[in-house]
């Protein structure tokens, strides 16, 4: 069994920061990512609110910079390797992936979240055939076409802005009469060609081989209508990737988020959680970075027991 001081599950901003601080402190550190490095950050078209980049930076570029800095100090980052089970009861934790089994003295869960689905007829059928959860990934397929963005938060509005540069028409359907997105994004949306459909919900997605229409309902008037669109981009929130951790005994709240204390500790000694998978109410790059620093500092004290932690 390959043994490490610290294993980090997830290579988003929190995971890469944990890898950086772990390896830089002298811990033999492994970062495992089931997808591609960066997580949702790598899919962000543009990041304007991360300190140090006054003109903004693409999510892909910020991910690459974080990855290179993480590797510089010796952390090993393995992407496309999915963790399938955990045994966290003993001092030496066991992390089993779809490739091999590792052990470590401490584990940091930085597994993030995945997109929440509408759960309406046609959504699953047309996933990848007009239904998408990532504007940056799939926007190019809808040049000069009509698209509907569903949601009212930052991701939905930013995606509508991005798609407005590609599509012939962008609709934004929000179930309320006010957007949750930050003012800077709402102001930008007012200046672009997107049309907001207030108090509107999608009840069905239709098509043949590809999406060609949606059924909408106004939740104030109950009026239904059909709208012709070529694509539906869904951004209605996220679900934490905490199932494997929960099955291993890590406590989660009613929504599935991992419960942590001020040191990012979970209920199991030597097991920490950072980033979007935690019950922290603020889901931001900077939050995940700060949480990772706190978690690694505490893990170093646990593993190496320096005089200042005694």
Foldseek 3Di string as FASTA:
>chain_A
DAEWAEEEEAQALLQLLLLLLCLQVPTAYEYEALADHHPVLLLAQWDCPDPPCPPTDHSVVVRVVSNVSSPVSPYHYDYNWAFDAWAQADCWIWTQTPVGIYTHRFYEYAHAWAADDPPAAPQVVADVQFEAAGLSVCLQVAAQFEEEEEAFEQVSLSSQLVSLVGYVAYEYEYLAQHGHYDPVSVVSSVVTRYHYDHNKDWRYFDDDSHTFWTWMARPVVRDIDIDTGRHYHYHHDTQAPCVNVVVNPWDDDPRQAGEADPLQDTPRPRYGYFANSHPPPDHDSVRSSVSSNSNSVVSCCVSVVDPVSD
